[in-house]
N, C-alpha and C. Protein backbone atom coordinates (compact mmCIF):
# COMPACT_ATOMS: atom_id res chain seq x y z
N MET A 1 0.85 -1.17 0.00
CA MET A 1 0.00 0.00 0.00
C MET A 1 0.89 1.24 0.00
N GLN A 2 0.50 2.22 -0.75
CA GLN A 2 1.24 3.47 -0.79
C GLN A 2 0.37 4.58 -0.24
N SER A 3 0.91 5.37 0.65
CA SER A 3 0.15 6.46 1.26
C SER A 3 0.12 7.65 0.32
N GLY A 4 -1.00 8.34 0.29
CA GLY A 4 -1.14 9.49 -0.57
C GLY A 4 -0.77 10.79 0.13
N MET A 5 -0.77 11.86 -0.63
CA MET A 5 -0.42 13.18 -0.12
C MET A 5 -1.63 14.12 -0.21
N GLY A 6 -2.83 13.57 -0.29
CA GLY A 6 -4.02 14.36 -0.53
C GLY A 6 -4.31 15.45 0.49
N LYS A 7 -4.16 15.17 1.76
CA LYS A 7 -4.52 16.14 2.80
C LYS A 7 -3.28 16.68 3.52
N ALA A 8 -2.16 16.72 2.83
CA ALA A 8 -0.91 17.13 3.47
C ALA A 8 -0.36 18.44 2.91
N LYS A 9 -1.20 19.25 2.32
CA LYS A 9 -0.72 20.48 1.70
C LYS A 9 -1.11 21.71 2.50
N TYR A 10 -0.91 21.65 3.80
CA TYR A 10 -1.21 22.79 4.66
C TYR A 10 -0.19 22.83 5.79
N TRP A 11 -0.12 23.97 6.43
CA TRP A 11 0.76 24.16 7.58
C TRP A 11 -0.09 24.10 8.84
N LEU A 12 0.41 23.46 9.86
CA LEU A 12 -0.33 23.23 11.09
C LEU A 12 0.32 23.99 12.24
N LEU A 13 -0.52 24.69 13.00
CA LEU A 13 -0.05 25.39 14.20
C LEU A 13 -0.66 24.70 15.40
N LYS A 14 0.21 24.15 16.27
CA LYS A 14 -0.24 23.48 17.49
C LYS A 14 0.38 24.20 18.68
N TYR A 15 -0.39 24.34 19.73
CA TYR A 15 0.09 24.97 20.94
C TYR A 15 0.93 23.98 21.75
N THR A 16 1.88 24.51 22.50
CA THR A 16 2.70 23.66 23.36
C THR A 16 2.01 23.47 24.70
N GLN A 17 2.48 22.50 25.44
CA GLN A 17 1.89 22.17 26.74
C GLN A 17 2.32 23.21 27.77
N ASN A 18 1.35 23.88 28.40
CA ASN A 18 1.64 24.91 29.39
C ASN A 18 1.52 24.41 30.82
N SER A 19 0.73 23.39 31.04
CA SER A 19 0.57 22.88 32.40
C SER A 19 0.84 21.38 32.41
N LYS A 20 1.16 20.88 33.57
CA LYS A 20 1.50 19.48 33.73
C LYS A 20 0.25 18.60 33.64
N LYS A 21 0.39 17.44 33.02
CA LYS A 21 -0.72 16.49 32.97
C LYS A 21 -0.75 15.71 34.26
N THR A 22 -1.97 15.39 34.70
CA THR A 22 -2.14 14.64 35.94
C THR A 22 -2.89 13.34 35.67
N VAL A 23 -2.68 12.37 36.52
CA VAL A 23 -3.34 11.08 36.38
C VAL A 23 -4.45 11.00 37.42
N ASP A 24 -5.66 10.65 36.95
CA ASP A 24 -6.79 10.48 37.86
C ASP A 24 -6.55 9.22 38.70
N PRO A 25 -6.60 9.32 40.03
CA PRO A 25 -6.28 8.16 40.86
C PRO A 25 -7.29 7.02 40.75
N LEU A 26 -8.54 7.32 40.46
CA LEU A 26 -9.56 6.28 40.41
C LEU A 26 -9.54 5.53 39.07
N MET A 27 -9.60 6.27 37.96
CA MET A 27 -9.71 5.64 36.64
C MET A 27 -8.37 5.49 35.92
N GLY A 28 -7.38 6.29 36.31
CA GLY A 28 -6.09 6.21 35.63
C GLY A 28 -6.02 7.03 34.36
N TRP A 29 -7.02 7.86 34.10
CA TRP A 29 -7.03 8.69 32.91
C TRP A 29 -6.07 9.86 33.08
N VAL A 30 -5.45 10.25 32.00
CA VAL A 30 -4.55 11.40 32.02
C VAL A 30 -5.35 12.63 31.64
N SER A 31 -5.22 13.71 32.43
CA SER A 31 -5.96 14.92 32.15
C SER A 31 -5.07 16.14 32.35
N SER A 32 -5.57 17.27 31.86
CA SER A 32 -4.85 18.52 32.00
C SER A 32 -5.85 19.65 32.05
N SER A 33 -5.48 20.73 32.70
CA SER A 33 -6.36 21.90 32.75
C SER A 33 -6.10 22.85 31.59
N ASP A 34 -5.11 22.55 30.78
CA ASP A 34 -4.75 23.39 29.64
C ASP A 34 -5.52 22.94 28.40
N THR A 35 -6.52 23.72 28.01
CA THR A 35 -7.35 23.34 26.87
C THR A 35 -6.76 23.75 25.52
N THR A 36 -5.69 24.54 25.53
CA THR A 36 -5.11 24.95 24.24
C THR A 36 -4.42 23.80 23.53
N GLN A 37 -4.13 22.71 24.22
CA GLN A 37 -3.52 21.55 23.59
C GLN A 37 -4.47 20.89 22.59
N GLN A 38 -5.75 21.16 22.70
CA GLN A 38 -6.74 20.56 21.81
C GLN A 38 -6.89 21.33 20.50
N ILE A 39 -6.25 22.50 20.41
CA ILE A 39 -6.43 23.37 19.25
C ILE A 39 -5.35 23.12 18.22
N LYS A 40 -5.76 22.88 16.97
CA LYS A 40 -4.85 22.77 15.84
C LYS A 40 -5.39 23.66 14.73
N LEU A 41 -4.60 24.62 14.30
CA LEU A 41 -5.02 25.54 13.25
C LEU A 41 -4.30 25.21 11.95
N LYS A 42 -5.04 25.17 10.84
CA LYS A 42 -4.46 24.86 9.54
C LYS A 42 -4.36 26.14 8.72
N PHE A 43 -3.22 26.29 8.03
CA PHE A 43 -2.99 27.44 7.16
C PHE A 43 -2.51 26.94 5.81
N ASN A 44 -2.82 27.72 4.77
CA ASN A 44 -2.43 27.34 3.41
C ASN A 44 -0.95 27.57 3.13
N SER A 45 -0.33 28.51 3.83
CA SER A 45 1.08 28.80 3.59
C SER A 45 1.81 29.03 4.90
N LEU A 46 3.12 28.93 4.83
CA LEU A 46 3.95 29.17 6.01
C LEU A 46 3.86 30.62 6.45
N GLU A 47 3.76 31.54 5.49
CA GLU A 47 3.67 32.96 5.81
C GLU A 47 2.41 33.28 6.60
N GLU A 48 1.29 32.66 6.21
CA GLU A 48 0.04 32.88 6.94
C GLU A 48 0.16 32.40 8.38
N ALA A 49 0.78 31.24 8.57
CA ALA A 49 0.92 30.67 9.91
C ALA A 49 1.84 31.53 10.77
N THR A 50 2.96 31.98 10.22
CA THR A 50 3.88 32.79 11.02
C THR A 50 3.29 34.17 11.30
N ASN A 51 2.57 34.74 10.34
CA ASN A 51 1.93 36.05 10.58
C ASN A 51 0.88 35.94 11.68
N TYR A 52 0.12 34.86 11.69
CA TYR A 52 -0.88 34.66 12.74
C TYR A 52 -0.21 34.53 14.11
N ALA A 53 0.86 33.74 14.16
CA ALA A 53 1.56 33.53 15.43
C ALA A 53 2.16 34.84 15.94
N LYS A 54 2.70 35.64 15.04
CA LYS A 54 3.28 36.93 15.44
C LYS A 54 2.20 37.89 15.92
N SER A 55 1.05 37.91 15.23
CA SER A 55 -0.02 38.83 15.61
C SER A 55 -0.64 38.48 16.96
N LYS A 56 -0.63 37.20 17.32
CA LYS A 56 -1.20 36.75 18.59
C LYS A 56 -0.14 36.58 19.68
N ASN A 57 1.11 36.97 19.38
CA ASN A 57 2.21 36.88 20.34
C ASN A 57 2.45 35.44 20.80
N ILE A 58 2.47 34.50 19.87
CA ILE A 58 2.68 33.09 20.16
C ILE A 58 4.11 32.73 19.77
N ASN A 59 4.86 32.13 20.69
CA ASN A 59 6.18 31.63 20.34
C ASN A 59 6.01 30.42 19.44
N TYR A 60 6.80 30.34 18.37
CA TYR A 60 6.62 29.24 17.43
C TYR A 60 7.96 28.72 16.95
N THR A 61 7.95 27.49 16.48
CA THR A 61 9.09 26.84 15.86
C THR A 61 8.61 26.23 14.56
N VAL A 62 9.32 26.50 13.48
CA VAL A 62 8.94 25.95 12.18
C VAL A 62 9.66 24.62 11.98
N ILE A 63 8.90 23.59 11.70
CA ILE A 63 9.45 22.27 11.38
C ILE A 63 9.16 22.01 9.91
N GLU A 64 10.21 22.01 9.11
CA GLU A 64 10.06 21.82 7.67
C GLU A 64 9.63 20.38 7.39
N PRO A 65 8.77 20.19 6.39
CA PRO A 65 8.36 18.82 6.04
C PRO A 65 9.52 18.05 5.41
N GLN A 66 9.56 16.77 5.69
CA GLN A 66 10.61 15.91 5.13
C GLN A 66 10.22 15.50 3.72
N GLN A 67 11.21 15.36 2.87
CA GLN A 67 10.97 14.88 1.50
C GLN A 67 10.68 13.39 1.55
N ARG A 68 9.61 13.01 0.86
CA ARG A 68 9.24 11.59 0.83
C ARG A 68 9.90 10.90 -0.34
N LYS A 69 10.37 9.71 -0.11
CA LYS A 69 10.95 8.90 -1.16
C LYS A 69 9.87 7.96 -1.68
N THR A 70 9.45 8.17 -2.91
CA THR A 70 8.38 7.35 -3.47
C THR A 70 8.98 6.31 -4.41
N ILE A 71 8.49 5.11 -4.29
CA ILE A 71 8.89 4.02 -5.16
C ILE A 71 7.68 3.67 -6.01
N ILE A 72 7.82 3.86 -7.31
CA ILE A 72 6.70 3.59 -8.22
C ILE A 72 6.61 2.09 -8.43
N LYS A 73 5.44 1.54 -8.14
CA LYS A 73 5.21 0.11 -8.27
C LYS A 73 3.99 -0.14 -9.14
N ASN A 74 4.01 -1.25 -9.82
CA ASN A 74 2.85 -1.70 -10.59
C ASN A 74 2.26 -2.93 -9.92
N TYR A 75 0.98 -3.09 -10.06
CA TYR A 75 0.32 -4.26 -9.48
C TYR A 75 0.85 -5.53 -10.12
N ALA A 76 1.19 -5.47 -11.40
CA ALA A 76 1.67 -6.66 -12.12
C ALA A 76 3.01 -7.14 -11.58
N ASP A 77 3.78 -6.27 -10.94
CA ASP A 77 5.07 -6.68 -10.38
C ASP A 77 4.91 -7.73 -9.29
N ASN A 78 3.76 -7.82 -8.67
CA ASN A 78 3.52 -8.84 -7.65
C ASN A 78 3.55 -10.25 -8.22
N PHE A 79 3.28 -10.38 -9.53
CA PHE A 79 3.18 -11.69 -10.16
C PHE A 79 4.32 -11.95 -11.13
N LYS A 80 5.32 -11.08 -11.15
CA LYS A 80 6.45 -11.23 -12.06
C LYS A 80 7.29 -12.43 -11.64
N TYR A 81 7.87 -13.11 -12.63
CA TYR A 81 8.72 -14.24 -12.35
C TYR A 81 10.02 -13.77 -11.73
N LYS A 82 10.36 -14.39 -10.59
CA LYS A 82 11.60 -14.06 -9.89
C LYS A 82 12.38 -15.36 -9.70
N PRO A 83 13.50 -15.50 -10.41
CA PRO A 83 14.27 -16.75 -10.23
C PRO A 83 14.86 -16.83 -8.83
N LEU A 84 14.98 -18.04 -8.32
CA LEU A 84 15.50 -18.25 -6.97
C LEU A 84 16.95 -18.13 -6.96
């Protein structure tokens, strides 16, 4: 199976963790009082994302996307003769 790039053409702004996560003693669930961790903002360009962060006084770090190495395969290659 080869993964597509259909929904990967945007820049994502995620907030960092501001408060410590705690474990509920009864159920064992992890929780936090910081609700900004649930927010993810999508932007069409890097400039839009950085301008938004600057206008809202948000510290940010840009992580450049990695280049993907694609191997072109045909379905027929699964049945090709391969000598031992």
